[in-house]
Amino acid sequence: MDIMELVERSKDAATVKRVFGEPIQHGDVVVIPVARVAHGGGGGQGEGKGEKGEESGGSGGGFGFGATPAGMFVLKDGDVLWRPAVDVNRIVLGGQAVAIVLLLTLRAIFKRRRRKR
């Protein structure tokens, strides 16, 4: 696969349909799911002389794609509401990080008090 083919494939993967899902209708309510999408790619090529003086070269490329739920638009009675997706894992990890910083700060305070006595 050459680099230009890789670029063409990456364009096909990064479409608006990856961000906005198909609308779902239930009665008079329409829900449009939304995702955060990130993609990237890269490639390179090089030439040089090998250990024995022979000409050599190489090339390579790669592509990455990721998507996470962002939320949904809810259309009801002519109004549009945004409902964000809640990532509980991210909230728990953030809480743990705050707790660790708090415990380390309290530990430092208590060590100083012990030294003063």
PDB file of N, CA and C in Angstrom:
ATOM      1  N   MET A   1       0.863  -1.172   0.000  1.00  0.00           N
ATOM      2  CA  MET A   1       0.000   0.000   0.000  1.00  0.00           C
ATOM      3  C   MET A   1       0.907   1.232   0.000  1.00  0.00           C
ATOM      4  N   ASP A   2       0.679   2.145  -0.935  1.00  0.00           N
ATOM      5  CA  ASP A   2       1.494   3.350  -0.949  1.00  0.00           C
ATOM      6  C   ASP A   2       0.844   4.437  -0.098  1.00  0.00           C
ATOM      7  N   ILE A   3       1.569   5.513   0.101  1.00  0.00           N
ATOM      8  CA  ILE A   3       1.137   6.579   1.006  1.00  0.00           C
ATOM      9  C   ILE A   3      -0.148   7.248   0.511  1.00  0.00           C
ATOM     10  N   MET A   4      -0.267   7.453  -0.778  1.00  0.00           N
ATOM     11  CA  MET A   4      -1.455   8.129  -1.301  1.00  0.00           C
ATOM     12  C   MET A   4      -2.710   7.278  -1.083  1.00  0.00           C
ATOM     13  N   GLU A   5      -2.585   5.983  -1.170  1.00  0.00           N
ATOM     14  CA  GLU A   5      -3.727   5.111  -0.903  1.00  0.00           C
ATOM     15  C   GLU A   5      -4.132   5.214   0.562  1.00  0.00           C
ATOM     16  N   LEU A   6      -3.143   5.312   1.438  1.00  0.00           N
ATOM     17  CA  LEU A   6      -3.408   5.477   2.864  1.00  0.00           C
ATOM     18  C   LEU A   6      -4.150   6.779   3.135  1.00  0.00           C
ATOM     19  N   VAL A   7      -3.743   7.850   2.475  1.00  0.00           N
ATOM     20  CA  VAL A   7      -4.415   9.149   2.638  1.00  0.00           C
ATOM     21  C   VAL A   7      -5.860   9.065   2.157  1.00  0.00           C
ATOM     22  N   GLU A   8      -6.100   8.420   1.044  1.00  0.00           N
ATOM     23  CA  GLU A   8      -7.462   8.282   0.523  1.00  0.00           C
ATOM     24  C   GLU A   8      -8.338   7.485   1.486  1.00  0.00           C
ATOM     25  N   ARG A   9      -7.797   6.430   2.060  1.00  0.00           N
ATOM     26  CA  ARG A   9      -8.567   5.639   3.023  1.00  0.00           C
ATOM     27  C   ARG A   9      -8.884   6.456   4.271  1.00  0.00           C
ATOM     28  N   SER A  10      -7.959   7.294   4.696  1.00  0.00           N
ATOM     29  CA  SER A  10      -8.211   8.101   5.890  1.00  0.00           C
ATOM     30  C   SER A  10      -9.315   9.115   5.636  1.00  0.00           C
ATOM     31  N   LYS A  11      -9.409   9.651   4.429  1.00  0.00           N
ATOM     32  CA  LYS A  11     -10.493  10.582   4.110  1.00  0.00           C
ATOM     33  C   LYS A  11     -11.845   9.892   4.211  1.00  0.00           C
ATOM     34  N   ASP A  12     -11.911   8.637   3.779  1.00  0.00           N
ATOM     35  CA  ASP A  12     -13.170   7.899   3.833  1.00  0.00           C
ATOM     36  C   ASP A  12     -13.601   7.633   5.272  1.00  0.00           C
ATOM     37  N   ALA A  13     -12.651   7.463   6.177  1.00  0.00           N
ATOM     38  CA  ALA A  13     -12.977   7.150   7.566  1.00  0.00           C
ATOM     39  C   ALA A  13     -13.437   8.376   8.341  1.00  0.00           C
ATOM     40  N   ALA A  14     -13.009   9.558   7.945  1.00  0.00           N
ATOM     41  CA  ALA A  14     -13.324  10.783   8.688  1.00  0.00           C
ATOM     42  C   ALA A  14     -14.482  11.515   8.019  1.00  0.00           C
ATOM     43  N   THR A  15     -15.674  11.017   8.212  1.00  0.00           N
ATOM     44  CA  THR A  15     -16.856  11.643   7.627  1.00  0.00           C
ATOM     45  C   THR A  15     -17.779  12.125   8.736  1.00  0.00           C
ATOM     46  N   VAL A  16     -18.713  12.964   8.371  1.00  0.00           N
ATOM     47  CA  VAL A  16     -19.664  13.487   9.352  1.00  0.00           C
ATOM     48  C   VAL A  16     -20.546  12.366   9.905  1.00  0.00           C
ATOM     49  N   LYS A  17     -20.714  11.282   9.162  1.00  0.00           N
ATOM     50  CA  LYS A  17     -21.522  10.169   9.652  1.00  0.00           C
ATOM     51  C   LYS A  17     -20.860   9.472  10.837  1.00  0.00           C
ATOM     52  N   ARG A  18     -19.563   9.658  11.007  1.00  0.00           N
ATOM     53  CA  ARG A  18     -18.875   9.101  12.173  1.00  0.00           C
ATOM     54  C   ARG A  18     -19.182   9.936  13.424  1.00  0.00           C
ATOM     55  N   VAL A  19     -19.486  11.207  13.239  1.00  0.00           N
ATOM     56  CA  VAL A  19     -19.743  12.104  14.363  1.00  0.00           C
ATOM     57  C   VAL A  19     -21.219  12.086  14.749  1.00  0.00           C
ATOM     58  N   PHE A  20     -22.087  12.264  13.785  1.00  0.00           N
ATOM     59  CA  PHE A  20     -23.530  12.271  14.035  1.00  0.00           C
ATOM     60  C   PHE A  20     -24.108  10.940  13.575  1.00  0.00           C
ATOM     61  N   GLY A  21     -24.729  10.205  14.486  1.00  0.00           N
ATOM     62  CA  GLY A  21     -25.335   8.922  14.138  1.00  0.00           C
ATOM     63  C   GLY A  21     -26.671   9.128  13.445  1.00  0.00           C
ATOM     64  N   GLU A  22     -27.249   8.035  13.029  1.00  0.00           N
ATOM     65  CA  GLU A  22     -28.567   8.091  12.391  1.00  0.00           C
ATOM     66  C   GLU A  22     -29.605   8.530  13.422  1.00  0.00           C
ATOM     67  N   PRO A  23     -30.485   9.465  13.054  1.00  0.00           N
ATOM     68  CA  PRO A  23     -31.531   9.906  13.990  1.00  0.00           C
ATOM     69  C   PRO A  23     -32.446   8.743  14.384  1.00  0.00           C
ATOM     70  N   ILE A  24     -32.832   8.732  15.638  1.00  0.00           N
ATOM     71  CA  ILE A  24     -33.733   7.704  16.163  1.00  0.00           C
ATOM     72  C   ILE A  24     -35.018   8.403  16.566  1.00  0.00           C
ATOM     73  N   GLN A  25     -36.131   7.940  16.035  1.00  0.00           N
ATOM     74  CA  GLN A  25     -37.415   8.573  16.348  1.00  0.00           C
ATOM     75  C   GLN A  25     -38.251   7.622  17.177  1.00  0.00           C
ATOM     76  N   HIS A  26     -38.792   8.168  18.276  1.00  0.00           N
ATOM     77  CA  HIS A  26     -39.687   7.409  19.147  1.00  0.00           C
ATOM     78  C   HIS A  26     -40.862   8.314  19.471  1.00  0.00           C
ATOM     79  N   GLY A  27     -41.973   8.068  18.833  1.00  0.00           N
ATOM     80  CA  GLY A  27     -43.129   8.944  18.998  1.00  0.00           C
ATOM     81  C   GLY A  27     -42.825  10.298  18.386  1.00  0.00           C
ATOM     82  N   ASP A  28     -42.999  11.372  19.164  1.00  0.00           N
ATOM     83  CA  ASP A  28     -42.713  12.721  18.663  1.00  0.00           C
ATOM     84  C   ASP A  28     -41.321  13.213  19.077  1.00  0.00           C
ATOM     85  N   VAL A  29     -40.478  12.326  19.598  1.00  0.00           N
ATOM     86  CA  VAL A  29     -39.132  12.685  20.035  1.00  0.00           C
ATOM     87  C   VAL A  29     -38.109  12.099  19.048  1.00  0.00           C
ATOM     88  N   VAL A  30     -37.154  12.947  18.643  1.00  0.00           N
ATOM     89  CA  VAL A  30     -36.063  12.504  17.766  1.00  0.00           C
ATOM     90  C   VAL A  30     -34.754  12.671  18.520  1.00  0.00           C
ATOM     91  N   VAL A  31     -33.946  11.630  18.522  1.00  0.00           N
ATOM     92  CA  VAL A  31     -32.654  11.636  19.211  1.00  0.00           C
ATOM     93  C   VAL A  31     -31.558  11.457  18.163  1.00  0.00           C
ATOM     94  N   ILE A  32     -30.555  12.360  18.204  1.00  0.00           N
ATOM     95  CA  ILE A  32     -29.419  12.276  17.289  1.00  0.00           C
ATOM     96  C   ILE A  32     -28.166  12.063  18.127  1.00  0.00           C
ATOM     97  N   PRO A  33     -27.576  10.856  18.078  1.00  0.00           N
ATOM     98  CA  PRO A  33     -26.362  10.609  18.852  1.00  0.00           C
ATOM     99  C   PRO A  33     -25.162  11.323  18.240  1.00  0.00           C
ATOM    100  N   VAL A  34     -24.260  11.799  19.116  1.00  0.00           N
ATOM    101  CA  VAL A  34     -23.073  12.548  18.696  1.00  0.00           C
ATOM    102  C   VAL A  34     -21.843  11.912  19.350  1.00  0.00           C
ATOM    103  N   ALA A  35     -20.752  11.836  18.593  1.00  0.00           N
ATOM    104  CA  ALA A  35     -19.499  11.263  19.110  1.00  0.00           C
ATOM    105  C   ALA A  35     -18.351  12.236  18.882  1.00  0.00           C
ATOM    106  N   ARG A  36     -17.330  12.129  19.731  1.00  0.00           N
ATOM    107  CA  ARG A  36     -16.067  12.839  19.511  1.00  0.00           C
ATOM    108  C   ARG A  36     -15.196  11.913  18.679  1.00  0.00           C
ATOM    109  N   VAL A  37     -14.731  12.403  17.577  1.00  0.00           N
ATOM    110  CA  VAL A  37     -13.948  11.572  16.669  1.00  0.00           C
ATOM    111  C   VAL A  37     -12.579  12.211  16.463  1.00  0.00           C
ATOM    112  N   ALA A  38     -11.548  11.386  16.523  1.00  0.00           N
ATOM    113  CA  ALA A  38     -10.187  11.851  16.259  1.00  0.00           C
ATOM    114  C   ALA A  38      -9.520  10.852  15.318  1.00  0.00           C
ATOM    115  N   HIS A  39      -8.794  11.382  14.367  1.00  0.00           N
ATOM    116  CA  HIS A  39      -8.052  10.502  13.473  1.00  0.00           C
ATOM    117  C   HIS A  39      -6.749  11.183  13.078  1.00  0.00           C
ATOM    118  N   GLY A  40      -5.821  10.379  12.688  1.00  0.00           N
ATOM    119  CA  GLY A  40      -4.538  10.920  12.263  1.00  0.00           C
ATOM    120  C   GLY A  40      -3.761   9.869  11.500  1.00  0.00           C
ATOM    121  N   GLY A  41      -2.828  10.342  10.786  1.00  0.00           N
ATOM    122  CA  GLY A  41      -2.011   9.416  10.003  1.00  0.00           C
ATOM    123  C   GLY A  41      -0.639  10.017   9.761  1.00  0.00           C
ATOM    124  N   GLY A  42       0.238   9.193   9.307  1.00  0.00           N
ATOM    125  CA  GLY A  42       1.574   9.678   9.020  1.00  0.00           C
ATOM    126  C   GLY A  42       2.328   8.685   8.172  1.00  0.00           C
ATOM    127  N   GLY A  43       3.381   9.156   7.612  1.00  0.00           N
ATOM    128  CA  GLY A  43       4.185   8.277   6.773  1.00  0.00           C
ATOM    129  C   GLY A  43       5.561   8.865   6.563  1.00  0.00           C
ATOM    130  N   GLY A  44       6.418   8.045   6.044  1.00  0.00           N
ATOM    131  CA  GLY A  44       7.765   8.521   5.782  1.00  0.00           C
ATOM    132  C   GLY A  44       8.499   7.599   4.830  1.00  0.00           C
ATOM    133  N   GLN A  45       9.602   8.112   4.314  1.00  0.00           N
ATOM    134  CA  GLN A  45      10.396   7.358   3.361  1.00  0.00           C
ATOM    135  C   GLN A  45      11.845   7.782   3.522  1.00  0.00           C
ATOM    136  N   GLY A  46      12.751   6.849   3.347  1.00  0.00           N
ATOM    137  CA  GLY A  46      14.157   7.187   3.473  1.00  0.00           C
ATOM    138  C   GLY A  46      15.040   6.299   2.622  1.00  0.00           C
ATOM    139  N   GLU A  47      16.204   6.827   2.317  1.00  0.00           N
ATOM    140  CA  GLU A  47      17.195   6.080   1.536  1.00  0.00           C
ATOM    141  C   GLU A  47      18.560   6.280   2.182  1.00  0.00           C
ATOM    142  N   GLY A  48      19.433   5.331   1.983  1.00  0.00           N
ATOM    143  CA  GLY A  48      20.772   5.453   2.544  1.00  0.00           C
ATOM    144  C   GLY A  48      21.626   4.276   2.156  1.00  0.00           C
ATOM    145  N   LYS A  49      22.803   4.226   2.764  1.00  0.00           N
ATOM    146  CA  LYS A  49      23.723   3.122   2.494  1.00  0.00           C
ATOM    147  C   LYS A  49      23.718   2.169   3.678  1.00  0.00           C
ATOM    148  N   GLY A  50      23.719   0.883   3.370  1.00  0.00           N
ATOM    149  CA  GLY A  50      23.739  -0.144   4.396  1.00  0.00           C
ATOM    150  C   GLY A  50      25.128  -0.298   4.983  1.00  0.00           C
ATOM    151  N   GLU A  51      25.294  -1.283   5.872  1.00  0.00           N
ATOM    152  CA  GLU A  51      26.574  -1.523   6.540  1.00  0.00           C
ATOM    153  C   GLU A  51      27.681  -1.901   5.553  1.00  0.00           C
ATOM    154  N   LYS A  52      27.313  -2.590   4.486  1.00  0.00           N
ATOM    155  CA  LYS A  52      28.303  -3.048   3.511  1.00  0.00           C
ATOM    156  C   LYS A  52      28.434  -2.082   2.339  1.00  0.00           C
ATOM    157  N   GLY A  53      27.847  -0.899   2.430  1.00  0.00           N
ATOM    158  CA  GLY A  53      27.961   0.102   1.381  1.00  0.00           C
ATOM    159  C   GLY A  53      26.916   0.018   0.294  1.00  0.00           C
ATOM    160  N   GLU A  54      25.993  -0.939   0.383  1.00  0.00           N
ATOM    161  CA  GLU A  54      24.958  -1.061  -0.640  1.00  0.00           C
ATOM    162  C   GLU A  54      23.845  -0.041  -0.396  1.00  0.00           C
ATOM    163  N   GLU A  55      23.192   0.378  -1.469  1.00  0.00           N
ATOM    164  CA  GLU A  55      22.063   1.306  -1.374  1.00  0.00           C
ATOM    165  C   GLU A  55      20.868   0.577  -0.773  1.00  0.00           C
ATOM    166  N   SER A  56      20.181   1.240   0.142  1.00  0.00           N
ATOM    167  CA  SER A  56      18.968   0.658   0.729  1.00  0.00           C
ATOM    168  C   SER A  56      17.982   1.778   1.016  1.00  0.00           C
ATOM    169  N   GLY A  57      16.770   1.407   1.240  1.00  0.00           N
ATOM    170  CA  GLY A  57      15.734   2.396   1.526  1.00  0.00           C
ATOM    171  C   GLY A  57      14.528   1.724   2.146  1.00  0.00           C
ATOM    172  N   GLY A  58      13.618   2.526   2.596  1.00  0.00           N
ATOM    173  CA  GLY A  58      12.409   1.996   3.199  1.00  0.00           C
ATOM    174  C   GLY A  58      11.355   3.075   3.319  1.00  0.00           C
ATOM    175  N   SER A  59      10.145   2.621   3.518  1.00  0.00           N
ATOM    176  CA  SER A  59       9.041   3.559   3.713  1.00  0.00           C
ATOM    177  C   SER A  59       8.035   2.915   4.650  1.00  0.00           C
ATOM    178  N   GLY A  60       7.191   3.740   5.232  1.00  0.00           N
ATOM    179  CA  GLY A  60       6.178   3.228   6.140  1.00  0.00           C
ATOM    180  C   GLY A  60       5.094   4.259   6.360  1.00  0.00           C
ATOM    181  N   GLY A  61       4.005   3.785   6.868  1.00  0.00           N
ATOM    182  CA  GLY A  61       2.890   4.692   7.126  1.00  0.00           C
ATOM    183  C   GLY A  61       1.939   4.066   8.122  1.00  0.00           C
ATOM    184  N   GLY A  62       1.079   4.881   8.658  1.00  0.00           N
ATOM    185  CA  GLY A  62       0.101   4.376   9.613  1.00  0.00           C
ATOM    186  C   GLY A  62      -1.084   5.311   9.713  1.00  0.00           C
ATOM    187  N   PHE A  63      -2.138   4.808  10.309  1.00  0.00           N
ATOM    188  CA  PHE A  63      -3.377   5.557  10.438  1.00  0.00           C
ATOM    189  C   PHE A  63      -4.058   5.125  11.721  1.00  0.00           C
ATOM    190  N   GLY A  64      -4.602   6.070  12.438  1.00  0.00           N
ATOM    191  CA  GLY A  64      -5.336   5.760  13.664  1.00  0.00           C
ATOM    192  C   GLY A  64      -6.671   6.471  13.693  1.00  0.00           C
ATOM    193  N   PHE A  65      -7.638   5.859  14.354  1.00  0.00           N
ATOM    194  CA  PHE A  65      -8.992   6.396  14.412  1.00  0.00           C
ATOM    195  C   PHE A  65      -9.578   6.054  15.773  1.00  0.00           C
ATOM    196  N   GLY A  66     -10.235   7.019  16.399  1.00  0.00           N
ATOM    197  CA  GLY A  66     -10.879   6.763  17.684  1.00  0.00           C
ATOM    198  C   GLY A  66     -12.149   7.578  17.825  1.00  0.00           C
ATOM    199  N   ALA A  67     -13.112   7.019  18.532  1.00  0.00           N
ATOM    200  CA  ALA A  67     -14.384   7.718  18.747  1.00  0.00           C
ATOM    201  C   ALA A  67     -14.896   7.407  20.148  1.00  0.00           C
ATOM    202  N   THR A  68     -15.424   8.430  20.813  1.00  0.00           N
ATOM    203  CA  THR A  68     -16.056   8.255  22.118  1.00  0.00           C
ATOM    204  C   THR A  68     -17.388   8.986  22.101  1.00  0.00           C
ATOM    205  N   PRO A  69     -18.382   8.499  22.843  1.00  0.00           N
ATOM    206  CA  PRO A  69     -19.676   9.181  22.880  1.00  0.00           C
ATOM    207  C   PRO A  69     -19.542  10.573  23.497  1.00  0.00           C
ATOM    208  N   ALA A  70     -20.177  11.555  22.872  1.00  0.00           N
ATOM    209  CA  ALA A  70     -20.166  12.917  23.401  1.00  0.00           C
ATOM    210  C   ALA A  70     -21.508  13.273  24.026  1.00  0.00           C
ATOM    211  N   GLY A  71     -22.563  12.741  23.483  1.00  0.00           N
ATOM    212  CA  GLY A  71     -23.901  13.047  23.987  1.00  0.00           C
ATOM    213  C   GLY A  71     -24.919  12.851  22.895  1.00  0.00           C
ATOM    214  N   MET A  72     -26.041  13.576  23.037  1.00  0.00           N
ATOM    215  CA  MET A  72     -27.088  13.476  22.030  1.00  0.00           C
ATOM    216  C   MET A  72     -27.914  14.752  21.995  1.00  0.00           C
ATOM    217  N   PHE A  73     -28.408  15.049  20.804  1.00  0.00           N
ATOM    218  CA  PHE A  73     -29.378  16.117  20.639  1.00  0.00           C
ATOM    219  C   PHE A  73     -30.759  15.486  20.724  1.00  0.00           C
ATOM    220  N   VAL A  74     -31.635  16.093  21.515  1.00  0.00           N
ATOM    221  CA  VAL A  74     -32.999  15.604  21.655  1.00  0.00           C
ATOM    222  C   VAL A  74     -33.931  16.676  21.092  1.00  0.00           C
ATOM    223  N   LEU A  75     -34.688  16.323  20.066  1.00  0.00           N
ATOM    224  CA  LEU A  75     -35.644  17.234  19.441  1.00  0.00           C
ATOM    225  C   LEU A  75     -37.033  16.843  19.900  1.00  0.00           C
ATOM    226  N   LYS A  76     -37.700  17.770  20.607  1.00  0.00           N
ATOM    227  CA  LYS A  76     -39.029  17.484  21.137  1.00  0.00           C
ATOM    228  C   LYS A  76     -39.836  18.776  21.164  1.00  0.00           C
ATOM    229  N   ASP A  77     -41.009  18.743  20.611  1.00  0.00           N
ATOM    230  CA  ASP A  77     -41.932  19.892  20.594  1.00  0.00           C
ATOM    231  C   ASP A  77     -41.277  21.145  20.030  1.00  0.00           C
ATOM    232  N   GLY A  78     -40.442  21.024  19.004  1.00  0.00           N
ATOM    233  CA  GLY A  78     -39.799  22.167  18.379  1.00  0.00           C
ATOM    234  C   GLY A  78     -38.588  22.694  19.125  1.00  0.00           C
ATOM    235  N   ASP A  79     -38.255  22.092  20.256  1.00  0.00           N
ATOM    236  CA  ASP A  79     -37.083  22.493  21.031  1.00  0.00           C
ATOM    237  C   ASP A  79     -35.952  21.486  20.815  1.00  0.00           C
ATOM    238  N   VAL A  80     -34.722  21.983  20.885  1.00  0.00           N
ATOM    239  CA  VAL A  80     -33.541  21.125  20.782  1.00  0.00           C
ATOM    240  C   VAL A  80     -32.790  21.203  22.101  1.00  0.00           C
ATOM    241  N   LEU A  81     -32.566  20.052  22.701  1.00  0.00           N
ATOM    242  CA  LEU A  81     -31.836  19.975  23.967  1.00  0.00           C
ATOM    243  C   LEU A  81     -30.563  19.167  23.767  1.00  0.00           C
ATOM    244  N   TRP A  82     -29.484  19.576  24.414  1.00  0.00           N
ATOM    245  CA  TRP A  82     -28.229  18.828  24.380  1.00  0.00           C
ATOM    246  C   TRP A  82     -28.111  18.038  25.669  1.00  0.00           C
ATOM    247  N   ARG A  83     -27.908  16.739  25.551  1.00  0.00           N
ATOM    248  CA  ARG A  83     -27.716  15.866  26.710  1.00  0.00           C
ATOM    249  C   ARG A  83     -26.315  15.261  26.613  1.00  0.00           C
ATOM    250  N   PRO A  84     -25.373  15.726  27.441  1.00  0.00           N
ATOM    251  CA  PRO A  84     -24.003  15.201  27.350  1.00  0.00           C
ATOM    252  C   PRO A  84     -23.919  13.768  27.865  1.00  0.00           C
ATOM    253  N   ALA A  85     -23.014  12.999  27.290  1.00  0.00           N
ATOM    254  CA  ALA A  85     -22.725  11.653  27.785  1.00  0.00           C
ATOM    255  C   ALA A  85     -21.807  11.805  28.991  1.00  0.00           C
ATOM    256  N   VAL A  86     -22.083  11.074  30.030  1.00  0.00           N
ATOM    257  CA  VAL A  86     -21.287  11.139  31.249  1.00  0.00           C
ATOM    258  C   VAL A  86     -20.358   9.934  31.278  1.00  0.00           C
ATOM    259  N   ASP A  87     -19.060  10.198  31.339  1.00  0.00           N
ATOM    260  CA  ASP A  87     -18.063   9.137  31.411  1.00  0.00           C
ATOM    261  C   ASP A  87     -17.724   8.908  32.878  1.00  0.00           C
ATOM    262  N   VAL A  88     -18.354   7.908  33.469  1.00  0.00           N
ATOM    263  CA  VAL A  88     -18.183   7.631  34.893  1.00  0.00           C
ATOM    264  C   VAL A  88     -16.737   7.265  35.211  1.00  0.00           C
ATOM    265  N   ASN A  89     -16.077   6.540  34.319  1.00  0.00           N
ATOM    266  CA  ASN A  89     -14.677   6.171  34.561  1.00  0.00           C
ATOM    267  C   ASN A  89     -13.792   7.394  34.697  1.00  0.00           C
ATOM    268  N   ARG A  90     -14.016   8.398  33.866  1.00  0.00           N
ATOM    269  CA  ARG A  90     -13.217   9.624  33.928  1.00  0.00           C
ATOM    270  C   ARG A  90     -13.481  10.365  35.242  1.00  0.00           C
ATOM    271  N   ILE A  91     -14.725  10.372  35.692  1.00  0.00           N
ATOM    272  CA  ILE A  91     -15.067  11.034  36.953  1.00  0.00           C
ATOM    273  C   ILE A  91     -14.385  10.326  38.123  1.00  0.00           C
ATOM    274  N   VAL A  92     -14.417   8.996  38.117  1.00  0.00           N
ATOM    275  CA  VAL A  92     -13.794   8.228  39.201  1.00  0.00           C
ATOM    276  C   VAL A  92     -12.286   8.455  39.218  1.00  0.00           C
ATOM    277  N   LEU A  93     -11.643   8.413  38.057  1.00  0.00           N
ATOM    278  CA  LEU A  93     -10.200   8.647  38.003  1.00  0.00           C
ATOM    279  C   LEU A  93      -9.839  10.058  38.464  1.00  0.00           C
ATOM    280  N   GLY A  94     -10.645  11.047  38.088  1.00  0.00           N
ATOM    281  CA  GLY A  94     -10.400  12.415  38.545  1.00  0.00           C
ATOM    282  C   GLY A  94     -10.528  12.528  40.053  1.00  0.00           C
ATOM    283  N   GLY A  95     -11.534  11.862  40.621  1.00  0.00           N
ATOM    284  CA  GLY A  95     -11.710  11.862  42.070  1.00  0.00           C
ATOM    285  C   GLY A  95     -10.549  11.199  42.786  1.00  0.00           C
ATOM    286  N   GLN A  96     -10.036  10.117  42.206  1.00  0.00           N
ATOM    287  CA  GLN A  96      -8.892   9.443  42.810  1.00  0.00           C
ATOM    288  C   GLN A  96      -7.652  10.328  42.776  1.00  0.00           C
ATOM    289  N   ALA A  97      -7.447  11.040  41.687  1.00  0.00           N
ATOM    290  CA  ALA A  97      -6.289  11.934  41.592  1.00  0.00           C
ATOM    291  C   ALA A  97      -6.381  13.042  42.642  1.00  0.00           C
ATOM    292  N   VAL A  98      -7.558  13.614  42.827  1.00  0.00           N
ATOM    293  CA  VAL A  98      -7.746  14.655  43.839  1.00  0.00           C
ATOM    294  C   VAL A  98      -7.496  14.085  45.233  1.00  0.00           C
ATOM    295  N   ALA A  99      -7.985  12.875  45.482  1.00  0.00           N
ATOM    296  CA  ALA A  99      -7.789  12.260  46.798  1.00  0.00           C
ATOM    297  C   ALA A  99      -6.307  12.015  47.081  1.00  0.00           C
ATOM    298  N   ILE A 100      -5.555  11.577  46.091  1.00  0.00           N
ATOM    299  CA  ILE A 100      -4.123  11.333  46.284  1.00  0.00           C
ATOM    300  C   ILE A 100      -3.389  12.633  46.606  1.00  0.00           C
ATOM    301  N   VAL A 101      -3.696  13.697  45.863  1.00  0.00           N
ATOM    302  CA  VAL A 101      -3.063  14.993  46.125  1.00  0.00           C
ATOM    303  C   VAL A 101      -3.418  15.476  47.526  1.00  0.00           C
ATOM    304  N   LEU A 102      -4.662  15.309  47.929  1.00  0.00           N
ATOM    305  CA  LEU A 102      -5.090  15.713  49.270  1.00  0.00           C
ATOM    306  C   LEU A 102      -4.332  14.934  50.347  1.00  0.00           C
ATOM    307  N   LEU A 103      -4.220  13.619  50.174  1.00  0.00           N
ATOM    308  CA  LEU A 103      -3.515  12.806  51.160  1.00  0.00           C
ATOM    309  C   LEU A 103      -2.032  13.168  51.238  1.00  0.00           C
ATOM    310  N   LEU A 104      -1.399  13.410  50.117  1.00  0.00           N
ATOM    311  CA  LEU A 104       0.014  13.797  50.131  1.00  0.00           C
ATOM    312  C   LEU A 104       0.209  15.163  50.792  1.00  0.00           C
ATOM    313  N   THR A 105      -0.714  16.073  50.572  1.00  0.00           N
ATOM    314  CA  THR A 105      -0.639  17.390  51.197  1.00  0.00           C
ATOM    315  C   THR A 105      -0.803  17.271  52.711  1.00  0.00           C
ATOM    316  N   LEU A 106      -1.778  16.481  53.158  1.00  0.00           N
ATOM    317  CA  LEU A 106      -1.977  16.285  54.604  1.00  0.00           C
ATOM    318  C   LEU A 106      -0.763  15.619  55.238  1.00  0.00           C
ATOM    319  N   ARG A 107      -0.178  14.658  54.525  1.00  0.00           N
ATOM    320  CA  ARG A 107       1.020  13.982  55.035  1.00  0.00           C
ATOM    321  C   ARG A 107       2.160  14.982  55.233  1.00  0.00           C
ATOM    322  N   ALA A 108       2.355  15.880  54.273  1.00  0.00           N
ATOM    323  CA  ALA A 108       3.421  16.882  54.377  1.00  0.00           C
ATOM    324  C   ALA A 108       3.157  17.830  55.545  1.00  0.00           C
ATOM    325  N   ILE A 109       1.918  18.205  55.749  1.00  0.00           N
ATOM    326  CA  ILE A 109       1.572  19.107  56.860  1.00  0.00           C
ATOM    327  C   ILE A 109       1.858  18.433  58.200  1.00  0.00           C
ATOM    328  N   PHE A 110       1.440  17.172  58.350  1.00  0.00           N
ATOM    329  CA  PHE A 110       1.668  16.463  59.614  1.00  0.00           C
ATOM    330  C   PHE A 110       3.153  16.220  59.871  1.00  0.00           C
ATOM    331  N   LYS A 111       3.948  15.982  58.830  1.00  0.00           N
ATOM    332  CA  LYS A 111       5.395  15.799  59.011  1.00  0.00           C
ATOM    333  C   LYS A 111       6.033  17.084  59.526  1.00  0.00           C
ATOM    334  N   ARG A 112       5.617  18.229  59.016  1.00  0.00           N
ATOM    335  CA  ARG A 112       6.168  19.519  59.477  1.00  0.00           C
ATOM    336  C   ARG A 112       5.816  19.753  60.934  1.00  0.00           C
ATOM    337  N   ARG A 113       4.605  19.416  61.324  1.00  0.00           N
ATOM    338  CA  ARG A 113       4.184  19.629  62.718  1.00  0.00           C
ATOM    339  C   ARG A 113       4.989  18.750  63.669  1.00  0.00           C
ATOM    340  N   ARG A 114       5.282  17.523  63.248  1.00  0.00           N
ATOM    341  CA  ARG A 114       6.073  16.620  64.094  1.00  0.00           C
ATOM    342  C   ARG A 114       7.484  17.149  64.279  1.00  0.00           C
ATOM    343  N   ARG A 115       8.084  17.713  63.235  1.00  0.00           N
ATOM    344  CA  ARG A 115       9.445  18.231  63.305  1.00  0.00           C
ATOM    345  C   ARG A 115       9.537  19.440  64.233  1.00  0.00           C
ATOM    346  N   LYS A 116       8.497  20.247  64.300  1.00  0.00           N
ATOM    347  CA  LYS A 116       8.509  21.442  65.139  1.00  0.00           C
ATOM    348  C   LYS A 116       8.474  21.101  66.615  1.00  0.00           C
ATOM    349  N   ARG A 117       7.966  19.943  66.988  1.00  0.00           N
ATOM    350  CA  ARG A 117       7.839  19.584  68.410  1.00  0.00           C
ATOM    351  C   ARG A 117       9.107  19.175  68.991  1.00  0.00           C
TER     352      ARG A 117
END
